[in-house]
Amino acid sequence: MPPSSFMHLLKGPMGSTVDIRFMRDESNEERVVRIARGPISSQDSSSHIGAPQEPTEGENNWRRGGAATTTGADAAIPEEYDFDKDKGALQKLEGKKSSQANGNIGAIFRGVSGQGFVLKDVTPASPADGAKSAHGIELEIEDKLLSIDGISTDGLFYQDLEALLRGEPGTQVELSMQKPRQIGEEMGLAYSIQITRKLIQKPVGVGITFRVDEKGVARVQSMAVGSPAEESGRVYNGDGLISINDRTVFKKAQLKKSNFSGVMSK
């Protein structure tokens, strides 16, 4: 599992617990450390591990089916959604953009050239986390977003998506999604999923900064001063990460073969 796939597992509501299984580099000793998530006083990168990433300036300008519209000589500017043919969609979008409703589903999307908007991450314990369609199809990372409440995502900016996803807590939003195409398939499985919005508490973490060694293993680089991880007294620099809440991140055999020489990369 790549680092970008596990870091968000460390985040969650204030006071909630996370079980992290580590392996000591010297002795191969395993242990599970239960840590209650809490605020991180340090402002360095360790205070942001696992937080859903805000879209970059480029991602803000992605549109479905094309490349970024910001810079680049070969950046193709896709056709914009023709709102003139759908006055109701335009009115709905404008109304949503001016709304002060603060309910959400916790889904974070990113733009991909030629594919449109795909699911980048979900906020832990949010309505989108583990959400399934009426037929049991689970919302998963890299699923493509086709429409929101019947409004096509063609030509929409990231800010438009955010507006359409927002709403009063307790109301539902319907997403039309599509799974990535598998070998032998003409197109991925399309499905519809309804998710109920709610107020989402900003997730907090445990204050651990990980770095990846030359073998691809995530190891503890440092802990924020006064963070939940440091206060536990059971997390040590150099510890190799095995699992988070029983979700395997790195196999034990991979950690045993890894030689932690201090050569780390982000």
Protein backbone atom coordinates (compact mmCIF):
# COMPACT_ATOMS: atom_id res chain seq x y z
CA MET A 1 0.00 0.00 0.00
CA PRO A 2 1.58 3.33 -1.02
CA PRO A 3 2.00 6.02 1.67
CA SER A 4 -0.71 8.20 0.14
CA SER A 5 -3.15 5.33 0.71
CA PHE A 6 -2.62 4.90 4.45
CA MET A 7 -1.94 8.35 5.91
CA HIS A 8 -5.60 9.35 6.04
CA LEU A 9 -6.26 6.33 8.29
CA LEU A 10 -4.45 8.13 11.10
CA LYS A 11 -6.98 10.96 11.08
CA GLY A 12 -10.38 10.93 12.73
CA PRO A 13 -12.69 12.73 15.17
CA MET A 14 -11.26 14.25 18.33
CA GLY A 15 -10.86 11.64 21.07
CA SER A 16 -11.38 8.63 18.80
CA THR A 17 -8.73 5.93 19.03
CA VAL A 18 -6.50 4.34 16.42
CA ASP A 19 -4.58 1.06 16.83
CA ILE A 20 -1.16 1.18 15.14
CA ARG A 21 1.00 -1.96 14.85
CA PHE A 22 4.74 -1.29 14.72
CA MET A 23 7.88 -3.40 14.39
CA ARG A 24 11.15 -2.40 16.07
CA ASP A 25 14.02 -2.19 13.62
CA GLU A 26 16.62 -3.81 15.87
CA SER A 27 14.67 -6.69 17.41
CA ASN A 28 11.76 -7.28 15.00
CA GLU A 29 9.54 -7.01 18.09
CA GLU A 30 5.91 -6.22 17.26
CA ARG A 31 3.53 -4.19 19.36
CA VAL A 32 0.16 -2.51 19.00
CA VAL A 33 -0.13 1.04 20.30
CA ARG A 34 -3.60 2.48 20.89
CA ILE A 35 -3.59 6.27 20.66
CA ALA A 36 -6.43 8.73 21.16
CA ARG A 37 -6.45 11.31 18.39
CA GLY A 38 -6.08 14.89 19.50
CA PRO A 39 -4.91 18.38 18.51
CA ILE A 40 -1.33 18.85 17.40
CA SER A 41 0.32 22.00 18.71
CA SER A 42 3.27 21.86 16.32
CA GLN A 43 2.75 23.50 12.96
CA ASP A 44 5.16 21.27 11.08
CA SER A 45 4.17 18.52 8.64
CA SER A 46 3.56 16.01 11.40
CA SER A 47 0.41 17.89 12.38
CA HIS A 48 -1.10 17.18 9.01
CA ILE A 49 -0.46 13.49 8.48
CA GLY A 50 -3.52 11.84 6.99
CA ALA A 51 -5.49 15.04 6.50
CA PRO A 52 -7.43 15.10 3.25
CA GLN A 53 -5.37 17.27 0.95
CA GLU A 54 -6.86 20.48 -0.34
CA PRO A 55 -6.80 20.70 -4.13
CA THR A 56 -3.74 22.40 -5.58
CA GLU A 57 -4.07 25.44 -7.80
CA GLY A 58 -3.86 23.17 -10.82
CA GLU A 59 -6.47 20.76 -9.49
CA ASN A 60 -8.85 23.65 -8.90
CA ASN A 61 -8.84 24.22 -12.63
CA TRP A 62 -9.28 20.68 -13.89
CA ARG A 63 -12.36 20.08 -15.96
CA ARG A 64 -13.84 16.78 -16.94
CA GLY A 65 -12.31 15.34 -20.11
CA GLY A 66 -9.41 17.78 -20.48
CA ALA A 67 -6.12 18.96 -19.09
CA ALA A 68 -5.50 21.82 -16.69
CA THR A 69 -6.60 25.15 -18.10
CA THR A 70 -3.90 27.12 -16.31
CA THR A 71 -0.52 26.83 -18.03
CA GLY A 72 1.31 24.59 -20.47
CA ALA A 73 1.69 24.89 -24.22
CA ASP A 74 0.02 21.54 -24.85
CA ALA A 75 -2.75 21.99 -22.26
CA ALA A 76 -6.03 21.23 -23.99
CA ILE A 77 -8.99 23.34 -22.92
CA PRO A 78 -12.08 21.10 -22.98
CA GLU A 79 -15.52 22.18 -24.02
CA GLU A 80 -17.49 23.81 -21.24
CA TYR A 81 -20.76 22.39 -20.06
CA ASP A 82 -23.55 24.01 -22.09
CA PHE A 83 -25.72 25.46 -19.34
CA ASP A 84 -27.80 27.22 -21.99
CA LYS A 85 -29.32 23.83 -22.74
CA ASP A 86 -30.02 23.19 -19.08
CA LYS A 87 -31.26 26.36 -17.40
CA GLY A 88 -32.41 24.38 -14.37
CA ALA A 89 -28.91 23.05 -13.75
CA LEU A 90 -27.45 26.55 -13.95
CA GLN A 91 -30.00 27.95 -11.50
CA LYS A 92 -29.41 25.06 -9.11
CA LEU A 93 -25.64 25.53 -9.26
CA GLU A 94 -25.85 29.27 -8.67
CA GLY A 95 -28.22 28.73 -5.77
CA LYS A 96 -25.90 26.17 -4.21
CA LYS A 97 -22.88 28.45 -4.57
CA SER A 98 -24.64 31.19 -2.63
CA SER A 99 -25.95 28.82 0.04
CA GLN A 100 -24.55 28.94 3.57
CA ALA A 101 -25.43 25.28 4.23
CA ASN A 102 -22.57 23.49 5.93
CA GLY A 103 -23.50 19.83 5.63
CA ASN A 104 -21.19 17.65 3.55
CA ILE A 105 -20.33 14.03 2.80
CA GLY A 106 -16.55 14.06 3.25
CA ALA A 107 -15.61 13.09 -0.31
CA ILE A 108 -12.55 14.75 -1.88
CA PHE A 109 -12.18 14.69 -5.66
CA ARG A 110 -9.30 15.48 -8.00
CA GLY A 111 -9.11 16.18 -11.70
CA VAL A 112 -7.40 13.74 -14.05
CA SER A 113 -6.60 14.61 -17.65
CA GLY A 114 -8.91 12.78 -20.00
CA GLN A 115 -10.92 11.20 -17.19
CA GLY A 116 -12.60 14.02 -15.35
CA PHE A 117 -13.06 14.08 -11.59
CA VAL A 118 -12.17 10.96 -9.62
CA LEU A 119 -12.42 10.26 -5.90
CA LYS A 120 -9.13 11.19 -4.27
CA ASP A 121 -9.87 10.56 -0.59
CA VAL A 122 -12.60 10.46 2.04
CA THR A 123 -12.64 11.95 5.51
CA PRO A 124 -12.55 9.12 8.08
CA ALA A 125 -15.92 8.46 9.77
CA SER A 126 -17.68 10.75 7.28
CA PRO A 127 -20.84 9.76 5.36
CA ALA A 128 -18.71 8.94 2.29
CA ASP A 129 -16.43 6.63 4.27
CA GLY A 130 -17.55 3.09 3.40
CA ALA A 131 -20.71 4.34 1.65
CA LYS A 132 -22.47 1.79 -0.59
CA SER A 133 -25.13 1.95 -3.26
CA ALA A 134 -28.53 0.26 -2.89
CA HIS A 135 -26.98 -2.73 -4.70
CA GLY A 136 -24.00 -2.94 -2.35
CA ILE A 137 -21.42 -1.27 -4.61
CA GLU A 138 -18.91 0.57 -2.42
CA LEU A 139 -17.65 4.07 -3.13
CA GLU A 140 -13.89 3.67 -3.60
CA ILE A 141 -10.78 5.73 -4.34
CA GLU A 142 -10.30 6.38 -8.11
CA ASP A 143 -14.02 5.96 -8.92
CA LYS A 144 -15.02 8.57 -11.50
CA LEU A 145 -17.68 11.18 -10.75
CA LEU A 146 -20.20 11.56 -13.58
CA SER A 147 -22.92 13.74 -12.06
CA ILE A 148 -24.25 15.21 -8.82
CA ASP A 149 -28.01 15.22 -8.31
CA GLY A 150 -28.43 14.81 -12.06
CA ILE A 151 -26.09 17.68 -12.97
CA SER A 152 -23.27 16.50 -15.24
CA THR A 153 -19.75 17.33 -14.08
CA ASP A 154 -18.77 18.25 -17.66
CA GLY A 155 -17.22 21.70 -17.63
CA LEU A 156 -17.46 22.18 -13.87
CA PHE A 157 -14.67 23.62 -11.79
CA TYR A 158 -13.65 22.10 -8.45
CA GLN A 159 -15.44 24.91 -6.62
CA ASP A 160 -18.65 23.98 -8.47
CA LEU A 161 -18.33 20.40 -7.22
CA GLU A 162 -17.89 21.61 -3.66
CA ALA A 163 -21.01 23.74 -3.94
CA LEU A 164 -23.11 20.86 -5.29
CA LEU A 165 -21.87 18.48 -2.59
CA ARG A 166 -22.78 20.91 0.20
CA GLY A 167 -26.26 21.08 1.66
CA GLU A 168 -28.26 21.11 4.84
CA PRO A 169 -27.29 18.35 7.30
CA GLY A 170 -29.71 15.44 6.96
CA THR A 171 -30.39 16.02 3.25
CA GLN A 172 -29.28 13.52 0.63
CA VAL A 173 -27.08 13.95 -2.42
CA GLU A 174 -27.05 11.47 -5.29
CA LEU A 175 -23.78 10.76 -7.07
CA SER A 176 -23.47 8.97 -10.39
CA MET A 177 -20.15 7.15 -10.34
CA GLN A 178 -18.14 4.80 -12.53
CA LYS A 179 -15.55 2.21 -11.55
CA PRO A 180 -12.16 2.19 -13.34
CA ARG A 181 -12.21 0.09 -16.49
CA GLN A 182 -10.89 -3.42 -16.00
CA ILE A 183 -9.01 -5.50 -18.57
CA GLY A 184 -11.45 -6.77 -21.17
CA GLU A 185 -14.11 -4.18 -20.34
CA GLU A 186 -15.19 -1.42 -22.71
CA MET A 187 -16.00 0.80 -19.74
CA GLY A 188 -16.12 0.59 -15.98
CA LEU A 189 -19.22 -0.31 -14.00
CA ALA A 190 -21.54 2.69 -13.54
CA TYR A 191 -23.58 3.00 -10.37
CA SER A 192 -25.62 5.52 -8.41
CA ILE A 193 -25.21 6.15 -4.71
CA GLN A 194 -27.18 8.30 -2.27
CA ILE A 195 -25.35 9.77 0.70
CA THR A 196 -26.81 11.77 3.59
CA ARG A 197 -24.97 14.96 4.43
CA LYS A 198 -23.92 15.83 7.97
CA LEU A 199 -21.74 18.30 9.81
CA ILE A 200 -18.21 16.98 9.56
CA GLN A 201 -15.78 17.61 12.36
CA LYS A 202 -12.34 18.55 11.12
CA PRO A 203 -10.24 15.41 11.59
CA VAL A 204 -7.30 15.39 13.97
CA GLY A 205 -4.34 13.05 14.12
CA VAL A 206 -1.69 11.56 16.37
CA GLY A 207 1.33 13.70 15.45
CA ILE A 208 3.59 11.17 13.71
CA THR A 209 5.71 12.06 10.70
CA PHE A 210 6.61 9.07 8.53
CA ARG A 211 9.34 8.79 5.93
CA VAL A 212 9.79 6.00 3.43
CA ASP A 213 13.12 4.13 3.37
CA GLU A 214 14.86 2.73 0.28
CA LYS A 215 12.88 -0.51 0.58
CA GLY A 216 9.58 1.35 0.49
CA VAL A 217 8.78 0.86 4.18
CA ALA A 218 7.21 3.68 6.17
CA ARG A 219 9.08 4.37 9.41
CA VAL A 220 8.59 6.88 12.20
CA GLN A 221 10.72 9.92 11.42
CA SER A 222 9.59 12.15 14.30
CA MET A 223 6.72 13.08 16.59
CA ALA A 224 5.29 16.51 17.27
CA VAL A 225 6.11 17.82 20.73
CA GLY A 226 3.24 17.14 23.12
CA SER A 227 1.34 15.14 20.51
CA PRO A 228 -0.76 12.07 21.37
CA ALA A 229 1.94 9.82 19.89
CA GLU A 230 4.70 11.36 22.00
CA GLU A 231 2.56 11.34 25.13
CA SER A 232 1.89 7.60 24.69
CA GLY A 233 5.56 6.87 25.35
CA ARG A 234 5.35 3.76 23.15
CA VAL A 235 6.25 5.09 19.73
CA TYR A 236 9.94 5.30 18.76
CA ASN A 237 11.84 6.82 15.86
CA GLY A 238 12.68 4.15 13.31
CA ASP A 239 9.67 1.97 14.08
CA GLY A 240 8.35 0.26 10.97
CA LEU A 241 4.62 0.52 10.26
CA ILE A 242 2.72 -2.77 9.83
CA SER A 243 -0.97 -1.87 10.10
CA ILE A 244 -3.49 0.76 11.15
CA ASN A 245 -6.72 -0.50 12.71
CA ASP A 246 -5.94 -4.02 11.43
CA ARG A 247 -5.56 -2.73 7.88
CA THR A 248 -2.20 -4.01 6.63
CA VAL A 249 0.10 -1.31 5.31
CA PHE A 250 3.36 -3.26 4.97
CA LYS A 251 3.89 -7.01 5.24
CA LYS A 252 6.07 -8.22 8.10
CA ALA A 253 8.47 -9.94 5.69
CA GLN A 254 8.96 -6.64 3.90
CA LEU A 255 9.90 -4.91 7.15
CA LYS A 256 12.33 -7.66 8.16
CA LYS A 257 14.16 -7.36 4.84
CA SER A 258 14.25 -3.60 5.01
CA ASN A 259 17.51 -2.05 6.14
CA PHE A 260 16.73 1.26 7.81
CA SER A 261 19.88 3.22 6.99
CA GLY A 262 18.41 6.68 7.47
CA VAL A 263 18.09 7.26 3.74
CA MET A 264 14.55 8.52 3.51
CA SER A 265 12.41 10.14 0.87
CA LYS A 266 8.98 11.70 0.97
